[in-house]
PDB file of N, CA and C in Angstrom:
ATOM      1  N   MET A   1       0.840  -1.178   0.000  1.00  0.00           N
ATOM      2  CA  MET A   1       0.000   0.000   0.000  1.00  0.00           C
ATOM      3  C   MET A   1       0.884   1.240   0.000  1.00  0.00           C
ATOM      4  N   ILE A   2       0.562   2.211  -0.827  1.00  0.00           N
ATOM      5  CA  ILE A   2       1.323   3.449  -0.921  1.00  0.00           C
ATOM      6  C   ILE A   2       0.784   4.445   0.086  1.00  0.00           C
ATOM      7  N   LYS A   3       1.672   4.997   0.874  1.00  0.00           N
ATOM      8  CA  LYS A   3       1.266   6.007   1.847  1.00  0.00           C
ATOM      9  C   LYS A   3       1.379   7.384   1.205  1.00  0.00           C
ATOM     10  N   VAL A   4       0.291   8.152   1.268  1.00  0.00           N
ATOM     11  CA  VAL A   4       0.272   9.489   0.681  1.00  0.00           C
ATOM     12  C   VAL A   4       0.818  10.473   1.707  1.00  0.00           C
ATOM     13  N   PRO A   5       1.863  11.228   1.347  1.00  0.00           N
ATOM     14  CA  PRO A   5       2.419  12.201   2.280  1.00  0.00           C
ATOM     15  C   PRO A   5       1.398  13.276   2.637  1.00  0.00           C
ATOM     16  N   GLU A   6       1.524  13.817   3.843  1.00  0.00           N
ATOM     17  CA  GLU A   6       0.620  14.890   4.277  1.00  0.00           C
ATOM     18  C   GLU A   6       0.794  16.109   3.383  1.00  0.00           C
ATOM     19  N   GLY A   7      -0.292  16.806   3.155  1.00  0.00           N
ATOM     20  CA  GLY A   7      -0.263  18.013   2.341  1.00  0.00           C
ATOM     21  C   GLY A   7      -0.527  17.770   0.875  1.00  0.00           C
ATOM     22  N   ILE A   8      -0.558  16.502   0.446  1.00  0.00           N
ATOM     23  CA  ILE A   8      -0.850  16.184  -0.953  1.00  0.00           C
ATOM     24  C   ILE A   8      -2.362  16.145  -1.117  1.00  0.00           C
ATOM     25  N   PRO A   9      -2.929  16.963  -2.011  1.00  0.00           N
ATOM     26  CA  PRO A   9      -4.380  16.944  -2.197  1.00  0.00           C
ATOM     27  C   PRO A   9      -4.839  15.643  -2.845  1.00  0.00           C
ATOM     28  N   ILE A  10      -5.934  15.096  -2.340  1.00  0.00           N
ATOM     29  CA  ILE A  10      -6.509  13.868  -2.886  1.00  0.00           C
ATOM     30  C   ILE A  10      -7.891  14.202  -3.427  1.00  0.00           C
ATOM     31  N   ALA A  11      -8.118  13.904  -4.690  1.00  0.00           N
ATOM     32  CA  ALA A  11      -9.402  14.210  -5.324  1.00  0.00           C
ATOM     33  C   ALA A  11     -10.474  13.241  -4.871  1.00  0.00           C
ATOM     34  N   ARG A  12     -11.662  13.747  -4.621  1.00  0.00           N
ATOM     35  CA  ARG A  12     -12.831  12.928  -4.334  1.00  0.00           C
ATOM     36  C   ARG A  12     -13.891  13.331  -5.345  1.00  0.00           C
ATOM     37  N   PRO A  13     -14.625  12.387  -5.917  1.00  0.00           N
ATOM     38  CA  PRO A  13     -15.579  12.702  -6.979  1.00  0.00           C
ATOM     39  C   PRO A  13     -16.665  13.700  -6.601  1.00  0.00           C
ATOM     40  N   LYS A  14     -17.029  13.798  -5.334  1.00  0.00           N
ATOM     41  CA  LYS A  14     -18.168  14.647  -5.013  1.00  0.00           C
ATOM     42  C   LYS A  14     -17.805  16.102  -4.804  1.00  0.00           C
ATOM     43  N   ILE A  15     -16.549  16.438  -4.767  1.00  0.00           N
ATOM     44  CA  ILE A  15     -16.152  17.823  -4.573  1.00  0.00           C
ATOM     45  C   ILE A  15     -16.203  18.552  -5.910  1.00  0.00           C
ATOM     46  N   GLY A  16     -16.806  19.721  -5.912  1.00  0.00           N
ATOM     47  CA  GLY A  16     -16.869  20.528  -7.128  1.00  0.00           C
ATOM     48  C   GLY A  16     -18.285  20.681  -7.622  1.00  0.00           C
ATOM     49  N   SER A  17     -18.602  21.852  -8.137  1.00  0.00           N
ATOM     50  CA  SER A  17     -19.969  22.116  -8.576  1.00  0.00           C
ATOM     51  C   SER A  17     -20.337  21.338  -9.833  1.00  0.00           C
ATOM     52  N   ALA A  18     -19.378  20.894 -10.622  1.00  0.00           N
ATOM     53  CA  ALA A  18     -19.686  20.169 -11.851  1.00  0.00           C
ATOM     54  C   ALA A  18     -20.352  18.829 -11.574  1.00  0.00           C
ATOM     55  N   GLY A  19     -20.122  18.248 -10.418  1.00  0.00           N
ATOM     56  CA  GLY A  19     -20.699  16.950 -10.111  1.00  0.00           C
ATOM     57  C   GLY A  19     -22.063  17.006  -9.467  1.00  0.00           C
ATOM     58  N   LYS A  20     -22.593  18.208  -9.257  1.00  0.00           N
ATOM     59  CA  LYS A  20     -23.907  18.305  -8.621  1.00  0.00           C
ATOM     60  C   LYS A  20     -24.990  17.749  -9.532  1.00  0.00           C
ATOM     61  N   THR A  21     -25.871  16.964  -8.948  1.00  0.00           N
ATOM     62  CA  THR A  21     -26.862  16.271  -9.755  1.00  0.00           C
ATOM     63  C   THR A  21     -28.278  16.458  -9.238  1.00  0.00           C
ATOM     64  N   GLY A  22     -28.458  17.189  -8.202  1.00  0.00           N
ATOM     65  CA  GLY A  22     -29.756  17.267  -7.566  1.00  0.00           C
ATOM     66  C   GLY A  22     -30.890  17.735  -8.449  1.00  0.00           C
ATOM     67  N   LEU A  23     -30.613  18.457  -9.522  1.00  0.00           N
ATOM     68  CA  LEU A  23     -31.686  19.020 -10.340  1.00  0.00           C
ATOM     69  C   LEU A  23     -32.252  18.039 -11.365  1.00  0.00           C
ATOM     70  N   TRP A  24     -31.492  17.065 -11.813  1.00  0.00           N
ATOM     71  CA  TRP A  24     -31.994  16.204 -12.885  1.00  0.00           C
ATOM     72  C   TRP A  24     -32.213  14.754 -12.450  1.00  0.00           C
ATOM     73  N   ARG A  25     -32.024  14.448 -11.198  1.00  0.00           N
ATOM     74  CA  ARG A  25     -32.222  13.078 -10.713  1.00  0.00           C
ATOM     75  C   ARG A  25     -33.702  12.699 -10.812  1.00  0.00           C
ATOM     76  N   VAL A  26     -34.003  11.488 -11.244  1.00  0.00           N
ATOM     77  CA  VAL A  26     -35.375  11.008 -11.396  1.00  0.00           C
ATOM     78  C   VAL A  26     -35.853  10.300 -10.130  1.00  0.00           C
ATOM     79  N   GLU A  27     -34.977   9.507  -9.535  1.00  0.00           N
ATOM     80  CA  GLU A  27     -35.287   8.805  -8.295  1.00  0.00           C
ATOM     81  C   GLU A  27     -34.213   9.131  -7.265  1.00  0.00           C
ATOM     82  N   ARG A  28     -34.587   9.014  -5.998  1.00  0.00           N
ATOM     83  CA  ARG A  28     -33.625   9.256  -4.930  1.00  0.00           C
ATOM     84  C   ARG A  28     -33.735   8.152  -3.882  1.00  0.00           C
ATOM     85  N   PRO A  29     -32.612   7.797  -3.281  1.00  0.00           N
ATOM     86  CA  PRO A  29     -32.651   6.772  -2.242  1.00  0.00           C
ATOM     87  C   PRO A  29     -33.107   7.367  -0.915  1.00  0.00           C
ATOM     88  N   GLU A  30     -33.923   6.624  -0.214  1.00  0.00           N
ATOM     89  CA  GLU A  30     -34.319   7.009   1.144  1.00  0.00           C
ATOM     90  C   GLU A  30     -33.926   5.880   2.083  1.00  0.00           C
ATOM     91  N   ILE A  31     -33.316   6.251   3.184  1.00  0.00           N
ATOM     92  CA  ILE A  31     -32.837   5.249   4.136  1.00  0.00           C
ATOM     93  C   ILE A  31     -33.859   5.055   5.238  1.00  0.00           C
ATOM     94  N   HIS A  32     -34.216   3.815   5.501  1.00  0.00           N
ATOM     95  CA  HIS A  32     -35.086   3.462   6.625  1.00  0.00           C
ATOM     96  C   HIS A  32     -34.157   2.985   7.746  1.00  0.00           C
ATOM     97  N   TYR A  33     -33.863   3.895   8.654  1.00  0.00           N
ATOM     98  CA  TYR A  33     -32.872   3.602   9.690  1.00  0.00           C
ATOM     99  C   TYR A  33     -33.303   2.481  10.620  1.00  0.00           C
ATOM    100  N   ASP A  34     -34.596   2.194  10.713  1.00  0.00           N
ATOM    101  CA  ASP A  34     -35.037   1.091  11.560  1.00  0.00           C
ATOM    102  C   ASP A  34     -34.648  -0.268  10.981  1.00  0.00           C
ATOM    103  N   LYS A  35     -34.351  -0.316   9.674  1.00  0.00           N
ATOM    104  CA  LYS A  35     -33.928  -1.562   9.039  1.00  0.00           C
ATOM    105  C   LYS A  35     -32.410  -1.630   8.850  1.00  0.00           C
ATOM    106  N   CYS A  36     -31.727  -0.506   8.953  1.00  0.00           N
ATOM    107  CA  CYS A  36     -30.289  -0.434   8.673  1.00  0.00           C
ATOM    108  C   CYS A  36     -29.493  -1.158   9.763  1.00  0.00           C
ATOM    109  N   THR A  37     -28.546  -2.000   9.328  1.00  0.00           N
ATOM    110  CA  THR A  37     -27.684  -2.725  10.264  1.00  0.00           C
ATOM    111  C   THR A  37     -26.277  -2.139  10.316  1.00  0.00           C
ATOM    112  N   LYS A  38     -26.074  -0.997   9.679  1.00  0.00           N
ATOM    113  CA  LYS A  38     -24.773  -0.310   9.652  1.00  0.00           C
ATOM    114  C   LYS A  38     -23.689  -1.174   8.999  1.00  0.00           C
ATOM    115  N   CYS A  39     -24.065  -1.973   8.024  1.00  0.00           N
ATOM    116  CA  CYS A  39     -23.095  -2.860   7.373  1.00  0.00           C
ATOM    117  C   CYS A  39     -22.146  -2.100   6.451  1.00  0.00           C
ATOM    118  N   ARG A  40     -22.511  -0.930   6.020  1.00  0.00           N
ATOM    119  CA  ARG A  40     -21.699  -0.032   5.187  1.00  0.00           C
ATOM    120  C   ARG A  40     -21.514  -0.485   3.741  1.00  0.00           C
ATOM    121  N   LEU A  41     -22.299  -1.465   3.301  1.00  0.00           N
ATOM    122  CA  LEU A  41     -22.183  -1.872   1.900  1.00  0.00           C
ATOM    123  C   LEU A  41     -22.573  -0.741   0.964  1.00  0.00           C
ATOM    124  N   CYS A  42     -23.564   0.045   1.341  1.00  0.00           N
ATOM    125  CA  CYS A  42     -23.973   1.171   0.504  1.00  0.00           C
ATOM    126  C   CYS A  42     -22.838   2.170   0.337  1.00  0.00           C
ATOM    127  N   VAL A  43     -22.082   2.389   1.388  1.00  0.00           N
ATOM    128  CA  VAL A  43     -20.940   3.309   1.329  1.00  0.00           C
ATOM    129  C   VAL A  43     -19.874   2.758   0.396  1.00  0.00           C
ATOM    130  N   LEU A  44     -19.608   1.469   0.504  1.00  0.00           N
ATOM    131  CA  LEU A  44     -18.561   0.850  -0.303  1.00  0.00           C
ATOM    132  C   LEU A  44     -18.915   0.800  -1.783  1.00  0.00           C
ATOM    133  N   TYR A  45     -20.189   0.592  -2.117  1.00  0.00           N
ATOM    134  CA  TYR A  45     -20.580   0.395  -3.511  1.00  0.00           C
ATOM    135  C   TYR A  45     -21.070   1.659  -4.208  1.00  0.00           C
ATOM    136  N   CYS A  46     -21.284   2.749  -3.513  1.00  0.00           N
ATOM    137  CA  CYS A  46     -21.758   3.969  -4.158  1.00  0.00           C
ATOM    138  C   CYS A  46     -20.727   4.431  -5.193  1.00  0.00           C
ATOM    139  N   PRO A  47     -21.082   4.446  -6.472  1.00  0.00           N
ATOM    140  CA  PRO A  47     -20.103   4.816  -7.500  1.00  0.00           C
ATOM    141  C   PRO A  47     -19.737   6.295  -7.486  1.00  0.00           C
ATOM    142  N   GLU A  48     -20.511   7.126  -6.827  1.00  0.00           N
ATOM    143  CA  GLU A  48     -20.238   8.560  -6.790  1.00  0.00           C
ATOM    144  C   GLU A  48     -19.674   9.019  -5.448  1.00  0.00           C
ATOM    145  N   ASN A  49     -19.481   8.085  -4.526  1.00  0.00           N
ATOM    146  CA  ASN A  49     -18.922   8.416  -3.210  1.00  0.00           C
ATOM    147  C   ASN A  49     -19.756   9.494  -2.507  1.00  0.00           C
ATOM    148  N   THR A  50     -21.076   9.345  -2.562  1.00  0.00           N
ATOM    149  CA  THR A  50     -21.959  10.356  -1.975  1.00  0.00           C
ATOM    150  C   THR A  50     -22.547   9.935  -0.637  1.00  0.00           C
ATOM    151  N   ILE A  51     -22.128   8.790  -0.121  1.00  0.00           N
ATOM    152  CA  ILE A  51     -22.663   8.326   1.158  1.00  0.00           C
ATOM    153  C   ILE A  51     -21.555   8.363   2.197  1.00  0.00           C
ATOM    154  N   ASP A  52     -21.783   9.111   3.238  1.00  0.00           N
ATOM    155  CA  ASP A  52     -20.856   9.199   4.357  1.00  0.00           C
ATOM    156  C   ASP A  52     -21.483   8.527   5.571  1.00  0.00           C
ATOM    157  N   LEU A  53     -20.679   8.323   6.576  1.00  0.00           N
ATOM    158  CA  LEU A  53     -21.180   7.748   7.822  1.00  0.00           C
ATOM    159  C   LEU A  53     -21.310   8.839   8.870  1.00  0.00           C
ATOM    160  N   LEU A  54     -22.425   8.809   9.592  1.00  0.00           N
ATOM    161  CA  LEU A  54     -22.606   9.714  10.714  1.00  0.00           C
ATOM    162  C   LEU A  54     -21.784   9.211  11.900  1.00  0.00           C
ATOM    163  N   GLU A  55     -21.738   9.978  12.967  1.00  0.00           N
ATOM    164  CA  GLU A  55     -20.981   9.552  14.146  1.00  0.00           C
ATOM    165  C   GLU A  55     -21.495   8.242  14.722  1.00  0.00           C
ATOM    166  N   ASN A  56     -22.793   7.982  14.571  1.00  0.00           N
ATOM    167  CA  ASN A  56     -23.359   6.730  15.078  1.00  0.00           C
ATOM    168  C   ASN A  56     -23.249   5.600  14.047  1.00  0.00           C
ATOM    169  N   LEU A  57     -22.487   5.820  12.972  1.00  0.00           N
ATOM    170  CA  LEU A  57     -22.189   4.850  11.908  1.00  0.00           C
ATOM    171  C   LEU A  57     -23.359   4.561  10.976  1.00  0.00           C
ATOM    172  N   TYR A  58     -24.435   5.311  11.084  1.00  0.00           N
ATOM    173  CA  TYR A  58     -25.504   5.186  10.096  1.00  0.00           C
ATOM    174  C   TYR A  58     -25.097   5.957   8.840  1.00  0.00           C
ATOM    175  N   PRO A  59     -25.501   5.491   7.659  1.00  0.00           N
ATOM    176  CA  PRO A  59     -25.149   6.195   6.425  1.00  0.00           C
ATOM    177  C   PRO A  59     -25.990   7.458   6.238  1.00  0.00           C
ATOM    178  N   GLN A  60     -25.390   8.427   5.568  1.00  0.00           N
ATOM    179  CA  GLN A  60     -26.087   9.662   5.224  1.00  0.00           C
ATOM    180  C   GLN A  60     -25.754   9.988   3.778  1.00  0.00           C
ATOM    181  N   ILE A  61     -26.783  10.254   2.984  1.00  0.00           N
ATOM    182  CA  ILE A  61     -26.606  10.498   1.551  1.00  0.00           C
ATOM    183  C   ILE A  61     -26.511  11.986   1.285  1.00  0.00           C
ATOM    184  N   ASP A  62     -25.525  12.378   0.492  1.00  0.00           N
ATOM    185  CA  ASP A  62     -25.386  13.774   0.071  1.00  0.00           C
ATOM    186  C   ASP A  62     -26.187  13.931  -1.223  1.00  0.00           C
ATOM    187  N   TYR A  63     -27.395  14.460  -1.104  1.00  0.00           N
ATOM    188  CA  TYR A  63     -28.299  14.546  -2.255  1.00  0.00           C
ATOM    189  C   TYR A  63     -27.860  15.582  -3.290  1.00  0.00           C
ATOM    190  N   ASP A  64     -26.953  16.454  -2.956  1.00  0.00           N
ATOM    191  CA  ASP A  64     -26.436  17.390  -3.964  1.00  0.00           C
ATOM    192  C   ASP A  64     -25.666  16.658  -5.055  1.00  0.00           C
ATOM    193  N   TYR A  65     -25.087  15.503  -4.721  1.00  0.00           N
ATOM    194  CA  TYR A  65     -24.241  14.798  -5.678  1.00  0.00           C
ATOM    195  C   TYR A  65     -24.760  13.405  -6.042  1.00  0.00           C
ATOM    196  N   CYS A  66     -25.776  12.909  -5.363  1.00  0.00           N
ATOM    197  CA  CYS A  66     -26.342  11.588  -5.670  1.00  0.00           C
ATOM    198  C   CYS A  66     -27.054  11.636  -7.013  1.00  0.00           C
ATOM    199  N   LYS A  67     -26.745  10.673  -7.885  1.00  0.00           N
ATOM    200  CA  LYS A  67     -27.374  10.601  -9.201  1.00  0.00           C
ATOM    201  C   LYS A  67     -28.623   9.724  -9.206  1.00  0.00           C
ATOM    202  N   GLY A  68     -28.903   9.058  -8.107  1.00  0.00           N
ATOM    203  CA  GLY A  68     -30.086   8.214  -8.034  1.00  0.00           C
ATOM    204  C   GLY A  68     -29.952   6.936  -8.837  1.00  0.00           C
ATOM    205  N   CYS A  69     -28.756   6.389  -8.924  1.00  0.00           N
ATOM    206  CA  CYS A  69     -28.523   5.185  -9.736  1.00  0.00           C
ATOM    207  C   CYS A  69     -29.133   3.941  -9.101  1.00  0.00           C
ATOM    208  N   GLY A  70     -29.278   3.924  -7.780  1.00  0.00           N
ATOM    209  CA  GLY A  70     -29.914   2.798  -7.119  1.00  0.00           C
ATOM    210  C   GLY A  70     -28.985   1.667  -6.714  1.00  0.00           C
ATOM    211  N   VAL A  71     -27.694   1.825  -6.921  1.00  0.00           N
ATOM    212  CA  VAL A  71     -26.755   0.772  -6.522  1.00  0.00           C
ATOM    213  C   VAL A  71     -26.836   0.528  -5.018  1.00  0.00           C
ATOM    214  N   CYS A  72     -26.950   1.591  -4.235  1.00  0.00           N
ATOM    215  CA  CYS A  72     -27.022   1.452  -2.777  1.00  0.00           C
ATOM    216  C   CYS A  72     -28.227   0.602  -2.361  1.00  0.00           C
ATOM    217  N   ALA A  73     -29.350   0.820  -3.025  1.00  0.00           N
ATOM    218  CA  ALA A  73     -30.560   0.057  -2.701  1.00  0.00           C
ATOM    219  C   ALA A  73     -30.410  -1.411  -3.117  1.00  0.00           C
ATOM    220  N   GLN A  74     -29.705  -1.636  -4.220  1.00  0.00           N
ATOM    221  CA  GLN A  74     -29.533  -3.007  -4.701  1.00  0.00           C
ATOM    222  C   GLN A  74     -28.618  -3.826  -3.800  1.00  0.00           C
ATOM    223  N   VAL A  75     -27.594  -3.203  -3.233  1.00  0.00           N
ATOM    224  CA  VAL A  75     -26.642  -3.972  -2.419  1.00  0.00           C
ATOM    225  C   VAL A  75     -27.060  -4.068  -0.957  1.00  0.00           C
ATOM    226  N   CYS A  76     -28.055  -3.316  -0.543  1.00  0.00           N
ATOM    227  CA  CYS A  76     -28.469  -3.331   0.861  1.00  0.00           C
ATOM    228  C   CYS A  76     -29.114  -4.679   1.205  1.00  0.00           C
ATOM    229  N   PRO A  77     -28.513  -5.448   2.121  1.00  0.00           N
ATOM    230  CA  PRO A  77     -29.037  -6.782   2.425  1.00  0.00           C
ATOM    231  C   PRO A  77     -30.351  -6.775   3.198  1.00  0.00           C
ATOM    232  N   THR A  78     -30.688  -5.665   3.859  1.00  0.00           N
ATOM    233  CA  THR A  78     -31.916  -5.625   4.658  1.00  0.00           C
ATOM    234  C   THR A  78     -33.004  -4.763   4.011  1.00  0.00           C
ATOM    235  N   LYS A  79     -32.742  -4.294   2.786  1.00  0.00           N
ATOM    236  CA  LYS A  79     -33.687  -3.434   2.060  1.00  0.00           C
ATOM    237  C   LYS A  79     -34.011  -2.163   2.859  1.00  0.00           C
ATOM    238  N   ALA A  80     -32.995  -1.649   3.536  1.00  0.00           N
ATOM    239  CA  ALA A  80     -33.167  -0.418   4.308  1.00  0.00           C
ATOM    240  C   ALA A  80     -33.149   0.829   3.428  1.00  0.00           C
ATOM    241  N   ILE A  81     -32.716   0.673   2.174  1.00  0.00           N
ATOM    242  CA  ILE A  81     -32.688   1.807   1.249  1.00  0.00           C
ATOM    243  C   ILE A  81     -33.721   1.548   0.156  1.00  0.00           C
ATOM    244  N   GLU A  82     -34.598   2.506  -0.012  1.00  0.00           N
ATOM    245  CA  GLU A  82     -35.680   2.404  -0.993  1.00  0.00           C
ATOM    246  C   GLU A  82     -35.550   3.545  -1.994  1.00  0.00           C
ATOM    247  N   MET A  83     -35.678   3.234  -3.271  1.00  0.00           N
ATOM    248  CA  MET A  83     -35.645   4.276  -4.308  1.00  0.00           C
ATOM    249  C   MET A  83     -37.067   4.819  -4.465  1.00  0.00           C
ATOM    250  N   VAL A  84     -37.198   6.139  -4.343  1.00  0.00           N
ATOM    251  CA  VAL A  84     -38.498   6.789  -4.478  1.00  0.00           C
ATOM    252  C   VAL A  84     -38.402   7.853  -5.555  1.00  0.00           C
ATOM    253  N   LYS A  85     -39.541   8.205  -6.116  1.00  0.00           N
ATOM    254  CA  LYS A  85     -39.577   9.206  -7.178  1.00  0.00           C
ATOM    255  C   LYS A  85     -39.157  10.565  -6.616  1.00  0.00           C
ATOM    256  N   GLU A  86     -38.305  11.249  -7.358  1.00  0.00           N
ATOM    257  CA  GLU A  86     -37.845  12.573  -6.953  1.00  0.00           C
ATOM    258  C   GLU A  86     -38.992  13.570  -7.092  1.00  0.00           C
ATOM    259  N   VAL A  87     -39.239  14.329  -6.052  1.00  0.00           N
ATOM    260  CA  VAL A  87     -40.281  15.347  -6.076  1.00  0.00           C
ATOM    261  C   VAL A  87     -39.601  16.700  -6.215  1.00  0.00           C
ATOM    262  N   LYS A  88     -39.965  17.444  -7.235  1.00  0.00           N
ATOM    263  CA  LYS A  88     -39.342  18.758  -7.495  1.00  0.00           C
ATOM    264  C   LYS A  88     -40.120  19.841  -6.812  1.00  0.00           C
TER     265      LYS A  88
END
């Protein structure tokens, strides 16, 4: 594993206004925290890196950058993430 020296900027896909997707998304994921087991599969599989973990380790979706692809809902083993129609 390569160790990145301190001070070297590391790019993350969600930083920057060009990646904002909130205006054209058709569906959005909604998390049902009562079903979530904090397995973090949604975080690992999100292709846009838009899911972070809260201090209590529950996932939180950054809707400014989520494209609504549904990968998080597909990999969730407890069906805690549901894709719903985006309301404008």
